[in-house]
Amino acid sequence: MRLRLVRTLLLAAPLVLTGAAFSVNAQQPAASEQTQAAPVWDIVSIKPHKPGDEDVSEHFSPATYTGRNVTFKMLISQAYGVKEWLIFGMPSWVGSQHWDIEAKVSEPDMKVMRKLSREERRAMLVALLRDHVGLVAHKESKMQPVFEMTALPEGVKFKAVPAPSSSDSGEKPRQGSQMTIDDGLISGRGVNMTTLADALASKVERNIVDQTGLKAEYGYIIDLHWTPEERDKGNDNGSGTDAPPPFFEAVREQLGLKMVPGKAEVPTVVVEHIQQPDAN
């Protein structure tokens, strides 16, 4: 199955998600706003995804979430900030059945919504899962194999996003972050290193620990192409000698990054209860 995953984010709405961890470059809310309860989704629609469409897309704005062809395994991963392969105890339908989900805060205070912290937005996803599929789950830390990601001595081969021009009011406009993850492709703009590490991890099913120390205010421009393993073993569909290199070689040659095997404590999630939703 060939999936194309597109995720669109706002820097004002930081959230770490699987495959694509959301940017953490936004300003943190004031202490008075941090004490407020996280907003709740007033309108939630959950429908089975029609077969025949393999594209997967997710879009977060300050007051809405839209997912097309997503699984609840993806949402659990996002809500708890863990990788999909580190979720245990769930029935098979959680990862195999695909859904179209729309959630909306009907009358949001946009000033508050734009300043929600990463954890507050995760809490909103946890609430959605609790209220609509009865999710009960807990986190556990376990020692697992990882890759440690560092820059090559000669430096990385991708560039930072330039600072945007100031508006008439003198304020710099907020910039979004976009990432496309496809079969043999990771491409994005406004991507921070945590986001990139998570995207790369989704292709090797092993957590990647960012040790580059790279931090650009508006993120980076990423363009990575490689030949997936199944094509590299002979099923190349006519790609021939011009095919991109294998994954790890491409990361080194095109991004100027290397990944060294290691071990680290990583978060996992254990699902205690979840039920199939009623389509609405």
Foldseek 3Di string as FASTA:
>chain_A
DWEKEKEKFFCLAAFQFFLFHGDQLHDADDPVLVPDAQDEFPDKFKAFADPDDRYWYWYDDLFKIWTHFDAQLRLVCRLVVHYSVQEDADDPRRHVTTIIMMTGDDDDPSVSSSNDHRNSVSVNSVVVQCVFWVWDKDKDWDKDKAWEKEFAPVGWQWFADDFADADPVRHGDTDMKMWMQTQFKIWIHQGAPSRVQSSLCVLVVHHYHYPHPDDDSRHITDIFGAHEPVCVVPVVVPPPPVGHHHDQVRCCPRTRMHIDMDIDIDMGMYIPDTHDGDGD
